[in-house]
Amino acid sequence: MVKIRLRREGAKGRPFYRIVVADQRARREGAFIEVIGTHDPLKEEDQTKIDLEKVDKWIGNGAQPSDTVRSLIKKARQAEASA
């Protein structure tokens, strides 16, 4: 199964995440199919950038987002609607 999930990058104590489409059997920092966004939890303002068109394409093809990514997508859609 294909999952949309976070890939951790950044230094120890300074996390930075890429939102990727990957096979569920791949390791967290392992192989992935496509990068569709980024998330920086240390910034005070919302620093999540997601390509919602790619998200819709992958979900339409059967990819399942993780719980965390699902909430980030929901926030991105709300921010886009209010802008």
PDB file of N, CA and C in Angstrom:
ATOM      1  N   MET A   1       0.839  -1.176   0.000  1.00  0.00           N
ATOM      2  CA  MET A   1       0.000   0.000   0.000  1.00  0.00           C
ATOM      3  C   MET A   1       0.886   1.242   0.000  1.00  0.00           C
ATOM      4  N   VAL A   2       0.412   2.268  -0.642  1.00  0.00           N
ATOM      5  CA  VAL A   2       1.127   3.540  -0.703  1.00  0.00           C
ATOM      6  C   VAL A   2       0.591   4.457   0.390  1.00  0.00           C
ATOM      7  N   LYS A   3       1.510   5.084   1.125  1.00  0.00           N
ATOM      8  CA  LYS A   3       1.142   5.970   2.224  1.00  0.00           C
ATOM      9  C   LYS A   3       1.696   7.369   1.959  1.00  0.00           C
ATOM     10  N   ILE A   4       0.990   8.372   2.453  1.00  0.00           N
ATOM     11  CA  ILE A   4       1.494   9.744   2.487  1.00  0.00           C
ATOM     12  C   ILE A   4       1.893   9.972   3.932  1.00  0.00           C
ATOM     13  N   ARG A   5       3.190  10.234   4.173  1.00  0.00           N
ATOM     14  CA  ARG A   5       3.672  10.318   5.539  1.00  0.00           C
ATOM     15  C   ARG A   5       4.836  11.292   5.649  1.00  0.00           C
ATOM     16  N   LEU A   6       5.285  11.493   6.885  1.00  0.00           N
ATOM     17  CA  LEU A   6       6.396  12.406   7.148  1.00  0.00           C
ATOM     18  C   LEU A   6       7.722  11.667   7.044  1.00  0.00           C
ATOM     19  N   ARG A   7       8.710  12.339   6.482  1.00  0.00           N
ATOM     20  CA  ARG A   7      10.086  11.831   6.413  1.00  0.00           C
ATOM     21  C   ARG A   7      10.926  12.802   7.220  1.00  0.00           C
ATOM     22  N   ARG A   8      11.532  12.338   8.316  1.00  0.00           N
ATOM     23  CA  ARG A   8      12.278  13.225   9.209  1.00  0.00           C
ATOM     24  C   ARG A   8      13.641  13.554   8.632  1.00  0.00           C
ATOM     25  N   GLU A   9      13.950  14.834   8.678  1.00  0.00           N
ATOM     26  CA  GLU A   9      15.263  15.326   8.303  1.00  0.00           C
ATOM     27  C   GLU A   9      15.668  16.352   9.341  1.00  0.00           C
ATOM     28  N   GLY A  10      16.823  16.945   9.195  1.00  0.00           N
ATOM     29  CA  GLY A  10      17.269  17.934  10.155  1.00  0.00           C
ATOM     30  C   GLY A  10      18.182  17.322  11.196  1.00  0.00           C
ATOM     31  N   ALA A  11      18.793  18.181  11.977  1.00  0.00           N
ATOM     32  CA  ALA A  11      19.770  17.749  12.975  1.00  0.00           C
ATOM     33  C   ALA A  11      19.078  17.254  14.240  1.00  0.00           C
ATOM     34  N   LYS A  12      19.877  16.690  15.122  1.00  0.00           N
ATOM     35  CA  LYS A  12      19.372  16.226  16.404  1.00  0.00           C
ATOM     36  C   LYS A  12      18.796  17.412  17.172  1.00  0.00           C
ATOM     37  N   GLY A  13      17.572  17.293  17.598  1.00  0.00           N
ATOM     38  CA  GLY A  13      16.913  18.365  18.334  1.00  0.00           C
ATOM     39  C   GLY A  13      16.353  19.476  17.454  1.00  0.00           C
ATOM     40  N   ARG A  14      16.543  19.398  16.141  1.00  0.00           N
ATOM     41  CA  ARG A  14      16.049  20.409  15.197  1.00  0.00           C
ATOM     42  C   ARG A  14      15.292  19.702  14.073  1.00  0.00           C
ATOM     43  N   PRO A  15      14.134  19.138  14.359  1.00  0.00           N
ATOM     44  CA  PRO A  15      13.438  18.350  13.341  1.00  0.00           C
ATOM     45  C   PRO A  15      12.905  19.209  12.195  1.00  0.00           C
ATOM     46  N   PHE A  16      12.928  18.632  11.028  1.00  0.00           N
ATOM     47  CA  PHE A  16      12.337  19.203   9.827  1.00  0.00           C
ATOM     48  C   PHE A  16      11.786  18.018   9.049  1.00  0.00           C
ATOM     49  N   TYR A  17      10.592  18.153   8.513  1.00  0.00           N
ATOM     50  CA  TYR A  17       9.950  17.014   7.862  1.00  0.00           C
ATOM     51  C   TYR A  17       9.601  17.333   6.420  1.00  0.00           C
ATOM     52  N   ARG A  18       9.746  16.333   5.571  1.00  0.00           N
ATOM     53  CA  ARG A  18       9.232  16.388   4.211  1.00  0.00           C
ATOM     54  C   ARG A  18       8.016  15.469   4.180  1.00  0.00           C
ATOM     55  N   ILE A  19       6.980  15.914   3.498  1.00  0.00           N
ATOM     56  CA  ILE A  19       5.784  15.098   3.337  1.00  0.00           C
ATOM     57  C   ILE A  19       5.974  14.329   2.036  1.00  0.00           C
ATOM     58  N   VAL A  20       6.029  13.006   2.143  1.00  0.00           N
ATOM     59  CA  VAL A  20       6.353  12.177   0.990  1.00  0.00           C
ATOM     60  C   VAL A  20       5.296  11.106   0.757  1.00  0.00           C
ATOM     61  N   VAL A  21       5.290  10.620  -0.476  1.00  0.00           N
ATOM     62  CA  VAL A  21       4.492   9.453  -0.844  1.00  0.00           C
ATOM     63  C   VAL A  21       5.469   8.287  -0.887  1.00  0.00           C
ATOM     64  N   ALA A  22       5.202   7.241  -0.105  1.00  0.00           N
ATOM     65  CA  ALA A  22       6.123   6.109  -0.022  1.00  0.00           C
ATOM     66  C   ALA A  22       5.354   4.810   0.152  1.00  0.00           C
ATOM     67  N   ASP A  23       6.014   3.731  -0.203  1.00  0.00           N
ATOM     68  CA  ASP A  23       5.480   2.403   0.071  1.00  0.00           C
ATOM     69  C   ASP A  23       5.494   2.222   1.587  1.00  0.00           C
ATOM     70  N   GLN A  24       4.467   1.631   2.138  1.00  0.00           N
ATOM     71  CA  GLN A  24       4.386   1.513   3.600  1.00  0.00           C
ATOM     72  C   GLN A  24       5.482   0.632   4.172  1.00  0.00           C
ATOM     73  N   ARG A  25       6.099  -0.210   3.356  1.00  0.00           N
ATOM     74  CA  ARG A  25       7.159  -1.097   3.851  1.00  0.00           C
ATOM     75  C   ARG A  25       8.516  -0.399   3.923  1.00  0.00           C
ATOM     76  N   ALA A  26       8.636   0.780   3.315  1.00  0.00           N
ATOM     77  CA  ALA A  26       9.909   1.503   3.316  1.00  0.00           C
ATOM     78  C   ALA A  26      10.158   2.118   4.696  1.00  0.00           C
ATOM     79  N   ARG A  27      11.448   2.245   5.050  1.00  0.00           N
ATOM     80  CA  ARG A  27      11.813   2.862   6.324  1.00  0.00           C
ATOM     81  C   ARG A  27      11.405   4.336   6.342  1.00  0.00           C
ATOM     82  N   ARG A  28      11.393   4.931   7.541  1.00  0.00           N
ATOM     83  CA  ARG A  28      10.988   6.329   7.697  1.00  0.00           C
ATOM     84  C   ARG A  28      11.865   7.262   6.860  1.00  0.00           C
ATOM     85  N   GLU A  29      13.189   7.023   6.867  1.00  0.00           N
ATOM     86  CA  GLU A  29      14.094   7.833   6.063  1.00  0.00           C
ATOM     87  C   GLU A  29      14.502   7.109   4.790  1.00  0.00           C
ATOM     88  N   GLY A  30      13.788   6.062   4.427  1.00  0.00           N
ATOM     89  CA  GLY A  30      14.144   5.246   3.278  1.00  0.00           C
ATOM     90  C   GLY A  30      13.611   5.790   1.967  1.00  0.00           C
ATOM     91  N   ALA A  31      13.448   4.876   1.036  1.00  0.00           N
ATOM     92  CA  ALA A  31      13.020   5.228  -0.312  1.00  0.00           C
ATOM     93  C   ALA A  31      11.612   5.821  -0.300  1.00  0.00           C
ATOM     94  N   PHE A  32      11.392   6.751  -1.224  1.00  0.00           N
ATOM     95  CA  PHE A  32      10.066   7.347  -1.376  1.00  0.00           C
ATOM     96  C   PHE A  32       9.791   7.555  -2.849  1.00  0.00           C
ATOM     97  N   ILE A  33       8.542   7.808  -3.180  1.00  0.00           N
ATOM     98  CA  ILE A  33       8.135   7.969  -4.564  1.00  0.00           C
ATOM     99  C   ILE A  33       8.192   9.437  -4.978  1.00  0.00           C
ATOM    100  N   GLU A  34       7.627  10.318  -4.142  1.00  0.00           N
ATOM    101  CA  GLU A  34       7.557  11.736  -4.497  1.00  0.00           C
ATOM    102  C   GLU A  34       7.448  12.592  -3.237  1.00  0.00           C
ATOM    103  N   VAL A  35       8.084  13.762  -3.268  1.00  0.00           N
ATOM    104  CA  VAL A  35       7.947  14.747  -2.187  1.00  0.00           C
ATOM    105  C   VAL A  35       6.792  15.669  -2.570  1.00  0.00           C
ATOM    106  N   ILE A  36       5.836  15.842  -1.655  1.00  0.00           N
ATOM    107  CA  ILE A  36       4.686  16.689  -1.969  1.00  0.00           C
ATOM    108  C   ILE A  36       4.552  17.874  -1.019  1.00  0.00           C
ATOM    109  N   GLY A  37       5.490  18.014  -0.070  1.00  0.00           N
ATOM    110  CA  GLY A  37       5.419  19.171   0.815  1.00  0.00           C
ATOM    111  C   GLY A  37       6.473  19.119   1.903  1.00  0.00           C
ATOM    112  N   THR A  38       6.455  20.151   2.761  1.00  0.00           N
ATOM    113  CA  THR A  38       7.380  20.233   3.889  1.00  0.00           C
ATOM    114  C   THR A  38       6.624  20.698   5.127  1.00  0.00           C
ATOM    115  N   HIS A  39       7.218  20.409   6.295  1.00  0.00           N
ATOM    116  CA  HIS A  39       6.619  20.828   7.571  1.00  0.00           C
ATOM    117  C   HIS A  39       7.758  21.133   8.540  1.00  0.00           C
ATOM    118  N   ASP A  40       7.737  22.339   9.118  1.00  0.00           N
ATOM    119  CA  ASP A  40       8.747  22.747  10.096  1.00  0.00           C
ATOM    120  C   ASP A  40       8.034  23.033  11.414  1.00  0.00           C
ATOM    121  N   PRO A  41       8.092  22.100  12.371  1.00  0.00           N
ATOM    122  CA  PRO A  41       7.358  22.273  13.626  1.00  0.00           C
ATOM    123  C   PRO A  41       7.967  23.299  14.580  1.00  0.00           C
ATOM    124  N   LEU A  42       9.188  23.749  14.332  1.00  0.00           N
ATOM    125  CA  LEU A  42       9.842  24.668  15.255  1.00  0.00           C
ATOM    126  C   LEU A  42       9.515  26.135  14.992  1.00  0.00           C
ATOM    127  N   LYS A  43       8.982  26.456  13.840  1.00  0.00           N
ATOM    128  CA  LYS A  43       8.614  27.841  13.536  1.00  0.00           C
ATOM    129  C   LYS A  43       7.332  28.197  14.278  1.00  0.00           C
ATOM    130  N   GLU A  44       7.257  29.434  14.748  1.00  0.00           N
ATOM    131  CA  GLU A  44       6.062  29.847  15.497  1.00  0.00           C
ATOM    132  C   GLU A  44       4.846  29.953  14.588  1.00  0.00           C
ATOM    133  N   GLU A  45       4.997  30.577  13.421  1.00  0.00           N
ATOM    134  CA  GLU A  45       3.880  30.618  12.491  1.00  0.00           C
ATOM    135  C   GLU A  45       3.842  29.304  11.723  1.00  0.00           C
ATOM    136  N   ASP A  46       2.735  29.027  11.096  1.00  0.00           N
ATOM    137  CA  ASP A  46       2.578  27.750  10.402  1.00  0.00           C
ATOM    138  C   ASP A  46       3.513  27.693   9.196  1.00  0.00           C
ATOM    139  N   GLN A  47       4.469  26.798   9.228  1.00  0.00           N
ATOM    140  CA  GLN A  47       5.435  26.647   8.152  1.00  0.00           C
ATOM    141  C   GLN A  47       5.236  25.321   7.422  1.00  0.00           C
ATOM    142  N   THR A  48       3.997  25.018   7.098  1.00  0.00           N
ATOM    143  CA  THR A  48       3.689  23.806   6.353  1.00  0.00           C
ATOM    144  C   THR A  48       3.339  24.204   4.931  1.00  0.00           C
ATOM    145  N   LYS A  49       4.044  23.612   3.988  1.00  0.00           N
ATOM    146  CA  LYS A  49       3.770  23.860   2.567  1.00  0.00           C
ATOM    147  C   LYS A  49       3.433  22.524   1.926  1.00  0.00           C
ATOM    148  N   ILE A  50       2.220  22.441   1.373  1.00  0.00           N
ATOM    149  CA  ILE A  50       1.756  21.190   0.766  1.00  0.00           C
ATOM    150  C   ILE A  50       1.182  21.502  -0.604  1.00  0.00           C
ATOM    151  N   ASP A  51       1.547  20.703  -1.599  1.00  0.00           N
ATOM    152  CA  ASP A  51       0.968  20.809  -2.937  1.00  0.00           C
ATOM    153  C   ASP A  51      -0.338  20.008  -2.920  1.00  0.00           C
ATOM    154  N   LEU A  52      -1.453  20.702  -2.730  1.00  0.00           N
ATOM    155  CA  LEU A  52      -2.745  20.025  -2.563  1.00  0.00           C
ATOM    156  C   LEU A  52      -3.201  19.312  -3.833  1.00  0.00           C
ATOM    157  N   GLU A  53      -2.759  19.787  -4.999  1.00  0.00           N
ATOM    158  CA  GLU A  53      -3.114  19.098  -6.245  1.00  0.00           C
ATOM    159  C   GLU A  53      -2.485  17.703  -6.274  1.00  0.00           C
ATOM    160  N   LYS A  54      -1.216  17.614  -5.853  1.00  0.00           N
ATOM    161  CA  LYS A  54      -0.553  16.308  -5.812  1.00  0.00           C
ATOM    162  C   LYS A  54      -1.181  15.414  -4.751  1.00  0.00           C
ATOM    163  N   VAL A  55      -1.580  16.001  -3.619  1.00  0.00           N
ATOM    164  CA  VAL A  55      -2.245  15.228  -2.567  1.00  0.00           C
ATOM    165  C   VAL A  55      -3.528  14.617  -3.115  1.00  0.00           C
ATOM    166  N   ASP A  56      -4.329  15.431  -3.790  1.00  0.00           N
ATOM    167  CA  ASP A  56      -5.592  14.935  -4.348  1.00  0.00           C
ATOM    168  C   ASP A  56      -5.347  13.834  -5.381  1.00  0.00           C
ATOM    169  N   LYS A  57      -4.297  14.011  -6.202  1.00  0.00           N
ATOM    170  CA  LYS A  57      -3.972  12.996  -7.204  1.00  0.00           C
ATOM    171  C   LYS A  57      -3.612  11.673  -6.543  1.00  0.00           C
ATOM    172  N   TRP A  58      -2.759  11.718  -5.513  1.00  0.00           N
ATOM    173  CA  TRP A  58      -2.333  10.488  -4.860  1.00  0.00           C
ATOM    174  C   TRP A  58      -3.462   9.834  -4.069  1.00  0.00           C
ATOM    175  N   ILE A  59      -4.280  10.617  -3.403  1.00  0.00           N
ATOM    176  CA  ILE A  59      -5.417  10.043  -2.674  1.00  0.00           C
ATOM    177  C   ILE A  59      -6.400   9.422  -3.663  1.00  0.00           C
ATOM    178  N   GLY A  60      -6.581  10.071  -4.816  1.00  0.00           N
ATOM    179  CA  GLY A  60      -7.425   9.504  -5.867  1.00  0.00           C
ATOM    180  C   GLY A  60      -6.893   8.187  -6.402  1.00  0.00           C
ATOM    181  N   ASN A  61      -5.569   8.014  -6.347  1.00  0.00           N
ATOM    182  CA  ASN A  61      -4.948   6.769  -6.800  1.00  0.00           C
ATOM    183  C   ASN A  61      -4.881   5.721  -5.698  1.00  0.00           C
ATOM    184  N   GLY A  62      -5.383   6.024  -4.508  1.00  0.00           N
ATOM    185  CA  GLY A  62      -5.462   5.025  -3.449  1.00  0.00           C
ATOM    186  C   GLY A  62      -4.479   5.193  -2.313  1.00  0.00           C
ATOM    187  N   ALA A  63      -3.676   6.252  -2.293  1.00  0.00           N
ATOM    188  CA  ALA A  63      -2.726   6.454  -1.201  1.00  0.00           C
ATOM    189  C   ALA A  63      -3.480   6.832   0.075  1.00  0.00           C
ATOM    190  N   GLN A  64      -2.980   6.353   1.208  1.00  0.00           N
ATOM    191  CA  GLN A  64      -3.600   6.643   2.497  1.00  0.00           C
ATOM    192  C   GLN A  64      -2.699   7.566   3.302  1.00  0.00           C
ATOM    193  N   PRO A  65      -3.176   8.750   3.722  1.00  0.00           N
ATOM    194  CA  PRO A  65      -2.340   9.620   4.556  1.00  0.00           C
ATOM    195  C   PRO A  65      -2.282   9.115   5.998  1.00  0.00           C
ATOM    196  N   SER A  66      -1.135   9.345   6.646  1.00  0.00           N
ATOM    197  CA  SER A  66      -1.019   9.021   8.069  1.00  0.00           C
ATOM    198  C   SER A  66      -1.892  10.005   8.844  1.00  0.00           C
ATOM    199  N   ASP A  67      -2.129   9.733  10.115  1.00  0.00           N
ATOM    200  CA  ASP A  67      -2.979  10.606  10.927  1.00  0.00           C
ATOM    201  C   ASP A  67      -2.415  12.022  11.001  1.00  0.00           C
ATOM    202  N   THR A  68      -1.107  12.140  11.203  1.00  0.00           N
ATOM    203  CA  THR A  68      -0.478  13.454  11.303  1.00  0.00           C
ATOM    204  C   THR A  68      -0.587  14.207   9.989  1.00  0.00           C
ATOM    205  N   VAL A  69      -0.306  13.532   8.893  1.00  0.00           N
ATOM    206  CA  VAL A  69      -0.384  14.185   7.582  1.00  0.00           C
ATOM    207  C   VAL A  69      -1.823  14.555   7.269  1.00  0.00           C
ATOM    208  N   ARG A  70      -2.768  13.735   7.665  1.00  0.00           N
ATOM    209  CA  ARG A  70      -4.182  14.055   7.433  1.00  0.00           C
ATOM    210  C   ARG A  70      -4.548  15.372   8.119  1.00  0.00           C
ATOM    211  N   SER A  71      -4.063  15.575   9.352  1.00  0.00           N
ATOM    212  CA  SER A  71      -4.368  16.826  10.055  1.00  0.00           C
ATOM    213  C   SER A  71      -3.649  18.012   9.402  1.00  0.00           C
ATOM    214  N   LEU A  72      -2.423  17.809   8.898  1.00  0.00           N
ATOM    215  CA  LEU A  72      -1.704  18.885   8.212  1.00  0.00           C
ATOM    216  C   LEU A  72      -2.407  19.271   6.909  1.00  0.00           C
ATOM    217  N   ILE A  73      -2.933  18.280   6.190  1.00  0.00           N
ATOM    218  CA  ILE A  73      -3.674  18.549   4.957  1.00  0.00           C
ATOM    219  C   ILE A  73      -4.935  19.338   5.271  1.00  0.00           C
ATOM    220  N   LYS A  74      -5.620  18.949   6.337  1.00  0.00           N
ATOM    221  CA  LYS A  74      -6.846  19.649   6.743  1.00  0.00           C
ATOM    222  C   LYS A  74      -6.553  21.118   7.057  1.00  0.00           C
ATOM    223  N   LYS A  75      -5.456  21.378   7.799  1.00  0.00           N
ATOM    224  CA  LYS A  75      -5.073  22.760   8.120  1.00  0.00           C
ATOM    225  C   LYS A  75      -4.697  23.536   6.865  1.00  0.00           C
ATOM    226  N   ALA A  76      -4.016  22.886   5.925  1.00  0.00           N
ATOM    227  CA  ALA A  76      -3.618  23.565   4.684  1.00  0.00           C
ATOM    228  C   ALA A  76      -4.842  23.935   3.862  1.00  0.00           C
ATOM    229  N   ARG A  77      -5.837  23.053   3.823  1.00  0.00           N
ATOM    230  CA  ARG A  77      -7.067  23.358   3.078  1.00  0.00           C
ATOM    231  C   ARG A  77      -7.818  24.521   3.723  1.00  0.00           C
ATOM    232  N   GLN A  78      -7.863  24.559   5.056  1.00  0.00           N
ATOM    233  CA  GLN A  78      -8.520  25.664   5.759  1.00  0.00           C
ATOM    234  C   GLN A  78      -7.802  26.982   5.494  1.00  0.00           C
ATOM    235  N   ALA A  79      -6.475  26.950   5.513  1.00  0.00           N
ATOM    236  CA  ALA A  79      -5.682  28.166   5.258  1.00  0.00           C
ATOM    237  C   ALA A  79      -5.890  28.646   3.825  1.00  0.00           C
ATOM    238  N   GLU A  80      -5.975  27.719   2.894  1.00  0.00           N
ATOM    239  CA  GLU A  80      -6.185  28.088   1.488  1.00  0.00           C
ATOM    240  C   GLU A  80      -7.572  28.685   1.291  1.00  0.00           C
ATOM    241  N   ALA A  81      -8.567  28.146   1.981  1.00  0.00           N
ATOM    242  CA  ALA A  81      -9.941  28.641   1.843  1.00  0.00           C
ATOM    243  C   ALA A  81     -10.087  30.041   2.451  1.00  0.00           C
ATOM    244  N   SER A  82      -9.375  30.324   3.532  1.00  0.00           N
ATOM    245  CA  SER A  82      -9.499  31.631   4.171  1.00  0.00           C
ATOM    246  C   SER A  82      -8.646  32.702   3.492  1.00  0.00           C
ATOM    247  N   ALA A  83      -7.716  32.292   2.658  1.00  0.00           N
ATOM    248  CA  ALA A  83      -6.831  33.263   1.983  1.00  0.00           C
ATOM    249  C   ALA A  83      -7.446  33.854   0.760  1.00  0.00           C
TER     250      ALA A  83
END
